[in-house]
Amino acid sequence: MTDWTFFKGKKILITGHTGFKGSWMCRLLAQAGAEITGYALKPPTVPNMYELCHVEQDIHSVEGDIRDLQRLQSVFDQVKPELVVHMAAQPIVRESYQNPVYTYEVNVMGTVNVLECIRQCDTVRSFVNVTTDKVYRNKEWEWGYRENEELNGFDPYSNSKSCSELVTESYRNSFFGGEGRNLAISTARAGNVIGGGDFAVDRIIPDMVRAAENERAVLVRNPHSVRPYQHVLEPVAAYLMILKEQYEKQKLSGNYNVGPDEADCLETGKLADMFCEKWKKYYGKALSWYTLNTGSLDREPHEANYLRLDCSRLKKTFGWHPCWNAEEAVNKTAEWYAVYAAGENVRQCTDKQIEEFLKQ
């Protein structure tokens, strides 16, 4: 779908490049020949994909806090990027309950800082702010949310991302709405992402991988919750598609959902079953899961039961469609972690999966 030669030689700045999505994006852009600068803290987990895949070999990496406006501004002044993708965030719902102030500082003021740097950097032509499917006020209905639905996330993480959307809209209207600035701005609201290289806490696949390493069953807190699960390459490629297309046609800028087709919105328990099956296929060992009784779950932080996205706008505007269904997404995820568990070359596996994805 996307002509990846567009990125060859383009100067792109990525915030949050040391994270899970950021590492996949850097590998994809490196293969496309982009000049990549990353701005982020050290990788958020040990182990992490950024170090396992030696991503630092492909980019100019700057260690910095997204809350440090002066430091971030100096990087913009030095790099003078044409393209910017903002992914730096505190991305964990349960963590946001424990550290709400930090979550708002990073997710809201971090966005303000990025947009302020873009306002003062006239080389930037295209900007994508990566948020989440959780920005919507969740009404527990079983159909997909559309981009014009109310933004009002429930928990501090989701709400801070709703605020990030509003900040982006305010900057667009206040500073970039005139004809004097050739700048396209979009936000991208992606569904739940799986894929090799995620080692975060309180996420279903990383929790299952850790359980497998310790040869124990994994706790699945909400097996009947429905989520729009998709392989990490789906949103990463979509973000870059939007970045390219709006660079060439500014009128394409806007707000876009990025998620799987309806048939691939799964109950978490079903996803766990699929991963157990694929793990045995690739690694040869059994893996199982269990859940808690209802009384125990009542003491857990609030999580929505149903969450789906309507991606009609993305499909109609760009002719986009998901490449891998849920089964193939889980298959590729299990393959990556089996390579990791066996101590084999995960960078090579990552590049192979990128190549397979781009052939779809």
Protein backbone atom coordinates (compact mmCIF):
# COMPACT_ATOMS: atom_id res chain seq x y z
CA MET A 1 0.00 0.00 0.00
CA THR A 2 2.74 2.46 0.93
CA ASP A 3 5.62 3.46 -1.33
CA TRP A 4 8.42 3.06 1.19
CA THR A 5 10.97 4.74 -1.10
CA PHE A 6 9.37 8.02 0.06
CA PHE A 7 11.28 7.71 3.35
CA LYS A 8 14.72 7.27 1.80
CA GLY A 9 16.86 10.18 2.98
CA LYS A 10 13.98 11.85 4.86
CA LYS A 11 14.83 13.32 8.27
CA ILE A 12 12.41 11.86 10.80
CA LEU A 13 12.33 12.42 14.56
CA ILE A 14 10.63 9.79 16.71
CA THR A 15 9.88 10.31 20.39
CA GLY A 16 9.68 7.12 22.45
CA HIS A 17 11.90 5.21 20.02
CA THR A 18 13.30 2.94 22.74
CA GLY A 19 9.88 1.45 23.45
CA PHE A 20 8.15 -1.56 21.92
CA LYS A 21 6.41 0.21 19.03
CA GLY A 22 9.30 2.62 18.58
CA SER A 23 11.80 -0.19 18.11
CA TRP A 24 9.68 -1.82 15.39
CA MET A 25 9.24 1.54 13.68
CA CYS A 26 12.98 2.23 13.72
CA ARG A 27 13.74 -1.14 12.13
CA LEU A 28 11.15 -0.59 9.41
CA LEU A 29 12.37 2.94 8.66
CA ALA A 30 16.00 1.85 8.68
CA GLN A 31 15.20 -0.67 5.97
CA ALA A 32 13.51 2.16 4.02
CA GLY A 33 16.65 4.31 4.23
CA ALA A 34 15.34 7.10 6.46
CA GLU A 35 17.60 9.37 8.54
CA ILE A 36 16.23 8.58 12.00
CA THR A 37 16.69 10.54 15.20
CA GLY A 38 15.14 9.16 18.37
CA TYR A 39 14.41 11.04 21.57
CA ALA A 40 13.50 8.98 24.62
CA LEU A 41 14.47 7.74 28.05
CA LYS A 42 16.35 4.48 28.40
CA PRO A 43 14.33 1.39 27.41
CA PRO A 44 11.50 0.93 29.92
CA THR A 45 12.08 -2.76 30.66
CA VAL A 46 14.83 -5.34 31.05
CA PRO A 47 15.00 -7.14 28.69
CA ASN A 48 13.73 -4.94 25.86
CA MET A 49 13.48 -5.09 22.08
CA TYR A 50 15.56 -1.95 21.54
CA GLU A 51 18.69 -3.57 22.97
CA LEU A 52 17.95 -7.13 21.84
CA CYS A 53 17.66 -5.97 18.21
CA HIS A 54 20.54 -3.48 18.44
CA VAL A 55 18.31 -0.69 17.16
CA GLU A 56 20.87 1.92 18.21
CA GLN A 57 23.05 0.82 15.28
CA ASP A 58 20.50 2.20 12.81
CA ILE A 59 19.71 5.63 14.25
CA HIS A 60 20.93 8.74 16.04
CA SER A 61 19.63 8.21 19.56
CA VAL A 62 19.25 11.04 22.10
CA GLU A 63 18.47 10.20 25.70
CA GLY A 64 16.05 12.74 27.13
CA ASP A 65 12.82 13.26 29.05
CA ILE A 66 9.83 14.38 27.00
CA ARG A 67 8.97 16.74 29.89
CA ASP A 68 12.26 18.65 29.34
CA LEU A 69 11.23 21.30 26.81
CA GLN A 70 14.64 22.95 26.58
CA ARG A 71 16.43 19.65 25.87
CA LEU A 72 13.81 18.61 23.32
CA GLN A 73 13.98 22.00 21.61
CA SER A 74 17.75 21.70 21.24
CA VAL A 75 17.29 18.37 19.43
CA PHE A 76 14.75 19.89 17.03
CA ASP A 77 17.12 22.82 16.39
CA GLN A 78 19.98 20.45 15.62
CA VAL A 79 18.13 17.85 13.54
CA LYS A 80 15.62 20.08 11.72
CA PRO A 81 13.32 17.14 10.97
CA GLU A 82 10.83 17.01 8.10
CA LEU A 83 8.69 14.31 9.74
CA VAL A 84 7.81 13.77 13.42
CA VAL A 85 6.11 10.83 15.14
CA HIS A 86 5.26 11.28 18.83
CA MET A 87 5.10 7.99 20.76
CA ALA A 88 6.78 8.84 24.07
CA ALA A 89 4.26 8.04 26.80
CA GLN A 90 3.44 6.36 30.08
CA PRO A 91 1.41 3.61 28.37
CA ILE A 92 0.19 1.28 31.14
CA VAL A 93 -3.34 1.61 32.54
CA ARG A 94 -2.58 0.02 35.92
CA GLU A 95 0.58 2.12 36.30
CA SER A 96 -1.53 5.24 35.76
CA TYR A 97 -3.57 4.39 38.87
CA GLN A 98 -0.36 4.18 40.90
CA ASN A 99 1.31 7.27 39.40
CA PRO A 100 -1.37 9.55 37.98
CA VAL A 101 0.62 12.79 38.25
CA TYR A 102 3.56 11.35 36.32
CA THR A 103 1.16 9.89 33.75
CA TYR A 104 -0.44 13.30 33.09
CA GLU A 105 2.94 15.06 33.05
CA VAL A 106 4.29 12.72 30.39
CA ASN A 107 1.20 12.19 28.28
CA VAL A 108 -0.20 15.72 28.34
CA MET A 109 2.71 18.11 28.85
CA GLY A 110 4.91 15.82 26.75
CA THR A 111 2.51 16.41 23.86
CA VAL A 112 2.51 20.16 24.54
CA ASN A 113 6.31 20.17 24.42
CA VAL A 114 6.49 18.30 21.13
CA LEU A 115 3.95 20.60 19.51
CA GLU A 116 5.71 23.68 20.87
CA CYS A 117 8.98 22.47 19.33
CA ILE A 118 7.19 21.88 16.02
CA ARG A 119 5.69 25.38 16.22
CA GLN A 120 9.19 26.81 16.40
CA CYS A 121 10.74 24.47 13.79
CA ASP A 122 9.69 25.45 10.28
CA THR A 123 11.22 22.37 8.63
CA VAL A 124 8.53 20.02 9.97
CA ARG A 125 5.99 19.20 7.26
CA SER A 126 4.13 16.21 8.73
CA PHE A 127 3.35 15.20 12.31
CA VAL A 128 1.52 12.17 13.75
CA ASN A 129 0.60 12.00 17.42
CA VAL A 130 0.08 8.39 18.50
CA THR A 131 -2.65 8.04 21.13
CA THR A 132 -4.88 5.02 21.84
CA ASP A 133 -8.26 3.41 21.33
CA LYS A 134 -8.96 4.19 25.00
CA VAL A 135 -9.40 7.94 24.36
CA TYR A 136 -13.14 7.42 23.84
CA ARG A 137 -15.72 7.57 26.59
CA ASN A 138 -16.40 3.87 26.89
CA LYS A 139 -20.13 3.15 26.98
CA GLU A 140 -19.69 -0.63 26.95
CA TRP A 141 -21.47 -0.99 23.63
CA GLU A 142 -20.53 -3.76 21.22
CA TRP A 143 -19.96 -1.74 18.06
CA GLY A 144 -16.85 0.18 17.08
CA TYR A 145 -16.15 3.75 18.15
CA ARG A 146 -15.78 6.30 15.38
CA GLU A 147 -13.47 9.30 15.32
CA ASN A 148 -16.30 11.74 16.07
CA GLU A 149 -17.27 10.01 19.34
CA GLU A 150 -16.79 11.76 22.69
CA LEU A 151 -13.22 11.82 24.04
CA ASN A 152 -13.28 11.10 27.76
CA GLY A 153 -11.09 8.22 28.89
CA PHE A 154 -11.99 6.73 32.29
CA ASP A 155 -8.65 5.99 33.98
CA PRO A 156 -5.68 8.40 34.25
CA TYR A 157 -3.85 6.82 31.30
CA SER A 158 -6.86 6.86 28.99
CA ASN A 159 -7.90 10.32 30.11
CA SER A 160 -4.41 11.74 29.68
CA LYS A 161 -4.43 10.46 26.11
CA SER A 162 -7.83 12.10 25.56
CA CYS A 163 -6.18 15.31 26.78
CA SER A 164 -3.31 14.74 24.35
CA GLU A 165 -5.84 14.61 21.53
CA LEU A 166 -7.37 17.91 22.68
CA VAL A 167 -3.95 19.55 22.98
CA THR A 168 -3.16 18.51 19.42
CA GLU A 169 -6.44 19.93 18.15
CA SER A 170 -5.85 23.20 20.01
CA TYR A 171 -2.38 23.64 18.52
CA ARG A 172 -3.73 22.78 15.07
CA ASN A 173 -6.44 25.42 15.37
CA SER A 174 -4.38 28.08 17.15
CA PHE A 175 -1.04 27.94 15.35
CA PHE A 176 -1.20 25.77 12.24
CA GLY A 177 -4.56 26.68 10.73
CA GLY A 178 -3.35 29.51 8.51
CA GLU A 179 -2.06 29.28 4.98
CA GLY A 180 1.41 30.46 5.95
CA ARG A 181 2.53 27.10 7.41
CA ASN A 182 2.69 23.98 5.26
CA LEU A 183 2.19 21.47 8.05
CA ALA A 184 -0.09 18.43 8.25
CA ILE A 185 -1.10 17.07 11.67
CA SER A 186 -2.92 13.84 12.50
CA THR A 187 -3.64 11.73 15.55
CA ALA A 188 -3.77 7.94 15.35
CA ARG A 189 -5.82 5.90 17.81
CA ALA A 190 -4.64 2.31 17.70
CA GLY A 191 -6.16 -0.79 19.23
CA ASN A 192 -4.39 -3.26 21.53
CA VAL A 193 -1.04 -4.24 20.08
CA ILE A 194 0.76 -7.58 20.32
CA GLY A 195 4.01 -8.73 18.78
CA GLY A 196 7.50 -9.86 19.61
CA GLY A 197 9.64 -7.64 21.82
CA ASP A 198 7.05 -6.40 24.31
CA PHE A 199 8.18 -7.04 27.89
CA ALA A 200 5.92 -4.58 29.72
CA VAL A 201 4.13 -5.52 32.93
CA ASP A 202 0.38 -6.10 33.03
CA ARG A 203 0.05 -6.97 29.35
CA ILE A 204 -1.34 -10.32 28.35
CA ILE A 205 1.36 -11.62 25.96
CA PRO A 206 4.40 -10.48 27.99
CA ASP A 207 2.76 -11.97 31.09
CA MET A 208 2.34 -15.27 29.23
CA VAL A 209 5.96 -15.26 28.06
CA ARG A 210 7.20 -14.70 31.62
CA ALA A 211 4.96 -17.50 32.83
CA ALA A 212 6.36 -19.80 30.15
CA GLU A 213 9.92 -18.95 31.20
CA ASN A 214 9.05 -19.86 34.80
CA GLU A 215 7.11 -22.96 33.71
CA ARG A 216 3.88 -21.90 35.38
CA ALA A 217 0.35 -20.99 34.36
CA VAL A 218 -0.44 -17.34 33.72
CA LEU A 219 -3.14 -15.28 35.41
CA VAL A 220 -5.62 -13.71 32.97
CA ARG A 221 -7.54 -11.07 34.92
CA ASN A 222 -10.41 -10.41 32.50
CA PRO A 223 -10.73 -13.35 30.07
CA HIS A 224 -14.11 -12.18 28.73
CA SER A 225 -13.07 -8.61 27.94
CA VAL A 226 -13.14 -7.89 24.19
CA ARG A 227 -10.25 -5.93 22.64
CA PRO A 228 -9.15 -4.98 19.11
CA TYR A 229 -5.94 -7.00 19.12
CA GLN A 230 -3.53 -6.49 16.19
CA HIS A 231 0.11 -7.15 15.36
CA VAL A 232 2.42 -4.23 16.12
CA LEU A 233 3.35 -3.81 12.46
CA GLU A 234 -0.27 -2.91 11.60
CA PRO A 235 -0.35 0.41 13.50
CA VAL A 236 3.34 1.17 12.92
CA ALA A 237 2.89 0.88 9.16
CA ALA A 238 -0.38 2.84 9.36
CA TYR A 239 1.26 5.70 11.29
CA LEU A 240 3.94 5.97 8.63
CA MET A 241 1.38 5.73 5.83
CA ILE A 242 -0.54 8.67 7.33
CA LEU A 243 2.73 10.57 7.81
CA LYS A 244 3.64 10.13 4.14
CA GLU A 245 0.21 10.71 2.60
CA GLN A 246 -0.53 13.91 4.52
CA TYR A 247 2.99 15.18 3.72
CA GLU A 248 2.03 14.96 0.06
CA LYS A 249 -1.62 16.05 0.52
CA GLN A 250 -2.13 18.20 3.59
CA LYS A 251 -5.92 17.92 3.35
CA LEU A 252 -5.64 14.27 4.43
CA SER A 253 -4.64 15.26 7.96
CA GLY A 254 -7.15 14.42 10.68
CA ASN A 255 -7.93 11.80 13.33
CA TYR A 256 -7.77 8.10 12.46
CA ASN A 257 -8.61 4.83 14.19
CA VAL A 258 -6.23 1.94 13.51
CA GLY A 259 -7.55 -1.49 14.39
CA PRO A 260 -8.40 -4.97 13.16
CA ASP A 261 -11.51 -6.05 11.31
CA GLU A 262 -14.57 -6.93 13.41
CA ALA A 263 -13.89 -10.67 13.23
CA ASP A 264 -10.49 -10.15 14.86
CA CYS A 265 -11.75 -8.36 17.97
CA LEU A 266 -11.24 -11.14 20.50
CA GLU A 267 -11.98 -12.04 24.07
CA THR A 268 -8.73 -11.97 26.03
CA GLY A 269 -9.22 -15.63 27.00
CA LYS A 270 -9.44 -16.57 23.32
CA LEU A 271 -6.21 -14.70 22.64
CA ALA A 272 -4.58 -16.58 25.51
CA ASP A 273 -5.78 -19.92 24.08
CA MET A 274 -4.34 -19.03 20.67
CA PHE A 275 -0.98 -18.05 22.13
CA CYS A 276 -0.76 -21.28 24.16
CA GLU A 277 -1.36 -23.25 20.96
CA LYS A 278 1.23 -21.32 18.94
CA TRP A 279 3.78 -21.43 21.78
CA LYS A 280 3.64 -25.22 21.83
CA LYS A 281 3.99 -25.22 18.03
CA TYR A 282 7.15 -23.10 18.04
CA TYR A 283 8.74 -23.90 21.37
CA GLY A 284 7.47 -27.40 22.03
CA LYS A 285 6.29 -26.79 25.60
CA ALA A 286 2.79 -26.57 27.02
CA LEU A 287 1.48 -23.30 28.45
CA SER A 288 -1.80 -22.71 30.31
CA TRP A 289 -3.71 -19.91 31.99
CA TYR A 290 -6.21 -19.39 34.80
CA THR A 291 -8.40 -16.60 36.12
CA LEU A 292 -9.56 -15.38 39.53
CA ASN A 293 -13.05 -15.58 40.95
CA THR A 294 -15.41 -12.63 40.56
CA GLY A 295 -14.91 -11.40 44.10
CA SER A 296 -11.18 -11.05 43.62
CA LEU A 297 -11.63 -9.25 40.29
CA ASP A 298 -13.96 -6.71 41.91
CA ARG A 299 -10.97 -5.38 43.83
CA GLU A 300 -8.99 -4.77 40.64
CA PRO A 301 -8.79 -1.30 38.98
CA HIS A 302 -11.58 -0.57 36.52
CA GLU A 303 -11.14 -1.92 32.99
CA ALA A 304 -13.68 -1.76 30.18
CA ASN A 305 -15.37 -4.99 29.11
CA TYR A 306 -15.94 -4.10 25.45
CA LEU A 307 -13.74 -2.02 23.18
CA ARG A 308 -13.89 -2.00 19.38
CA LEU A 309 -12.88 0.51 16.72
CA ASP A 310 -14.58 1.51 13.49
CA CYS A 311 -11.73 2.02 11.02
CA SER A 312 -13.89 3.04 8.05
CA ARG A 313 -12.25 6.48 7.79
CA LEU A 314 -8.75 5.01 7.45
CA LYS A 315 -9.95 2.46 4.91
CA LYS A 316 -11.88 4.97 2.79
CA THR A 317 -9.25 7.73 2.90
CA PHE A 318 -6.17 5.65 2.14
CA GLY A 319 -7.48 2.34 0.80
CA TRP A 320 -5.94 0.74 3.90
CA HIS A 321 -6.74 -2.73 5.22
CA PRO A 322 -5.19 -4.96 7.90
CA CYS A 323 -2.60 -7.38 6.54
CA TRP A 324 -2.60 -10.08 9.24
CA ASN A 325 -5.70 -11.46 10.95
CA ALA A 326 -5.70 -12.28 14.66
CA GLU A 327 -4.46 -15.85 14.21
CA GLU A 328 -1.52 -14.78 12.06
CA ALA A 329 -0.73 -11.92 14.46
CA VAL A 330 -0.54 -14.39 17.35
CA ASN A 331 1.44 -16.80 15.18
CA LYS A 332 4.10 -14.18 14.40
CA THR A 333 4.19 -13.11 18.03
CA ALA A 334 4.78 -16.65 19.30
CA GLU A 335 7.43 -17.20 16.62
CA TRP A 336 9.39 -14.13 17.78
CA TYR A 337 9.28 -15.06 21.46
CA ALA A 338 10.28 -18.65 20.71
CA VAL A 339 13.35 -17.34 18.87
CA TYR A 340 14.09 -15.15 21.90
CA ALA A 341 13.56 -18.00 24.39
CA ALA A 342 15.93 -20.21 22.38
CA GLY A 343 18.64 -17.51 22.50
CA GLU A 344 18.62 -17.10 18.72
CA ASN A 345 18.83 -13.96 16.54
CA VAL A 346 15.74 -11.81 17.24
CA ARG A 347 16.94 -8.96 15.01
CA GLN A 348 16.99 -11.37 12.09
CA CYS A 349 13.52 -12.63 13.04
CA THR A 350 12.24 -9.04 13.29
CA ASP A 351 13.55 -8.15 9.83
CA LYS A 352 12.10 -11.34 8.37
CA GLN A 353 8.67 -10.55 9.78
CA ILE A 354 8.84 -6.98 8.46
CA GLU A 355 9.68 -8.33 5.01
CA GLU A 356 6.79 -10.81 5.17
CA PHE A 357 4.40 -8.09 6.32
CA LEU A 358 5.34 -5.67 3.54
CA LYS A 359 4.72 -8.35 0.92
CA GLN A 360 1.03 -8.57 1.90
